[in-house]
Protein backbone atom coordinates (compact mmCIF):
# COMPACT_ATOMS: atom_id res chain seq x y z
CA UNK A 1 -1.33 -17.13 4.97
CA UNK A 2 -5.07 -16.53 5.00
CA UNK A 3 -7.36 -16.43 8.05
CA UNK A 4 -11.08 -16.70 7.67
CA UNK A 5 -13.40 -15.40 10.49
CA UNK A 6 -16.48 -14.79 8.40
CA UNK A 7 -18.23 -18.13 8.54
CA UNK A 8 -16.42 -21.10 10.03
CA UNK A 9 -12.90 -20.37 11.30
CA UNK A 10 -10.37 -21.39 8.77
CA UNK A 11 -6.63 -21.05 8.15
CA UNK A 12 -5.04 -21.52 4.70
CA UNK A 13 -1.45 -21.57 3.62
CA UNK A 14 -0.87 -21.29 -0.15
CA UNK A 15 -4.45 -22.43 -0.72
CA UNK A 16 -4.17 -25.48 1.50
CA UNK A 17 -6.24 -25.69 4.71
CA UNK A 18 -4.17 -25.81 7.90
CA UNK A 19 -5.74 -28.04 10.52
CA UNK A 20 -6.33 -26.22 13.81
CA UNK A 21 -6.85 -28.34 16.88
CA UNK A 22 -9.87 -28.50 19.12
CA UNK A 23 -12.24 -25.94 20.47
CA UNK A 24 -9.67 -24.32 22.85
CA UNK A 25 -7.13 -23.72 20.07
CA UNK A 26 -9.79 -22.47 17.74
CA UNK A 27 -11.16 -20.10 20.41
CA UNK A 28 -7.70 -18.74 21.27
CA UNK A 29 -6.94 -18.17 17.60
CA UNK A 30 -10.24 -16.42 16.98
CA UNK A 31 -9.75 -14.03 19.90
CA UNK A 32 -6.21 -13.24 18.78
CA UNK A 33 -7.38 -12.61 15.24
CA UNK A 34 -10.25 -10.37 16.39
CA UNK A 35 -7.61 -8.31 18.24
CA UNK A 36 -4.90 -8.72 15.59
CA UNK A 37 -1.68 -6.78 16.08
CA UNK A 38 -2.66 -5.94 19.60
CA UNK A 39 -1.78 -7.72 22.87
CA UNK A 40 -4.52 -9.90 24.26
CA UNK A 41 -4.06 -10.43 27.95
CA UNK A 42 -3.95 -14.02 29.14
CA UNK A 43 -6.87 -13.28 31.48
CA UNK A 44 -9.06 -12.37 28.50
CA UNK A 45 -8.17 -15.65 26.76
CA UNK A 46 -8.97 -17.53 29.94
CA UNK A 47 -12.40 -15.80 30.13
CA UNK A 48 -13.04 -16.68 26.44
CA UNK A 49 -12.33 -20.30 27.22
CA UNK A 50 -13.93 -20.80 30.59
CA UNK A 51 -16.09 -17.72 31.35
CA UNK A 52 -15.99 -17.19 35.13
CA UNK A 53 -15.05 -20.81 36.10
CA UNK A 54 -11.53 -21.50 34.87
CA UNK A 55 -9.60 -24.49 36.15
CA UNK A 56 -6.54 -24.05 38.25
CA UNK A 57 -4.46 -25.08 35.23
CA UNK A 58 -6.01 -22.37 32.92
CA UNK A 59 -2.79 -20.39 32.36
CA UNK A 60 -0.90 -23.51 31.55
CA UNK A 61 -3.60 -24.67 29.14
CA UNK A 62 -3.51 -21.34 27.37
CA UNK A 63 0.27 -21.72 27.02
CA UNK A 64 -0.23 -25.17 25.56
CA UNK A 65 -2.73 -23.76 23.01
CA UNK A 66 -0.32 -20.92 22.02
CA UNK A 67 2.48 -23.42 21.59
CA UNK A 68 0.31 -25.67 19.40
CA UNK A 69 -0.82 -22.73 17.33
CA UNK A 70 2.75 -21.56 16.82
CA UNK A 71 3.63 -25.07 15.47
CA UNK A 72 0.59 -25.21 13.23
CA UNK A 73 1.29 -21.68 11.78
CA UNK A 74 5.07 -22.09 11.33
CA UNK A 75 5.85 -22.16 7.65
CA UNK A 76 9.52 -21.20 7.61
CA UNK A 77 8.81 -17.52 8.35
CA UNK A 78 8.82 -15.53 11.53
CA UNK A 79 6.41 -16.57 14.31
CA UNK A 80 3.00 -14.99 13.73
CA UNK A 81 2.21 -15.26 17.44
CA UNK A 82 4.41 -13.18 19.83
CA UNK A 83 4.55 -13.16 23.58
CA UNK A 84 4.17 -9.66 24.95
CA UNK A 85 3.27 -8.90 28.60
CA UNK A 86 0.57 -9.38 29.72
CA UNK A 87 -0.36 -11.85 26.99
CA UNK A 88 0.04 -12.63 23.29
CA UNK A 89 -0.56 -11.07 19.90
CA UNK A 90 -0.86 -12.28 16.37
CA UNK A 91 0.83 -10.35 13.63
CA UNK A 92 -1.28 -10.03 10.46
CA UNK A 93 -1.61 -7.72 7.47
CA UNK A 94 -4.89 -6.59 6.03
CA UNK A 95 -4.59 -9.08 3.19
CA UNK A 96 -4.35 -12.00 5.57
CA UNK A 97 -7.76 -11.71 7.19
CA UNK A 98 -11.06 -12.06 5.37
CA UNK A 99 -12.72 -9.63 7.78
CA UNK A 100 -10.23 -6.90 6.84
CA UNK A 101 -10.64 -7.55 3.10
CA UNK A 102 -14.44 -7.45 3.47
CA UNK A 103 -14.29 -4.13 5.40
CA UNK A 104 -11.95 -2.62 2.76
CA UNK A 105 -14.28 -3.78 -0.07
CA UNK A 106 -17.30 -2.18 1.64
CA UNK A 107 -15.39 1.09 2.21
CA UNK A 108 -14.29 1.09 -1.46
CA UNK A 109 -17.79 0.35 -2.63
CA UNK A 110 -19.28 3.16 -0.62
CA UNK A 111 -16.67 5.59 -2.02
């Protein structure tokens, strides 16, 4: 699994692009990836989606996005997205995220 944050958001499994839904799903995934391996509170996801004017159904809509992302990212292995109070986290390794690979390359180049 490969996640791309540098440039357009992209998800690839074995070199094949994984279609991620609309703007809400893409926003939730981007926020989770920027905070990878750490819990992102639901309230932060709500702010990312609606700023200071969320609808009454905001929590439910975040849950729907998470559910859809879990389905899209399920490839026979463990769920990458976990529910942890007070929100969610996405489990990644350094090799999975282009941002981490870029950072490691810059650090190696400077050394």
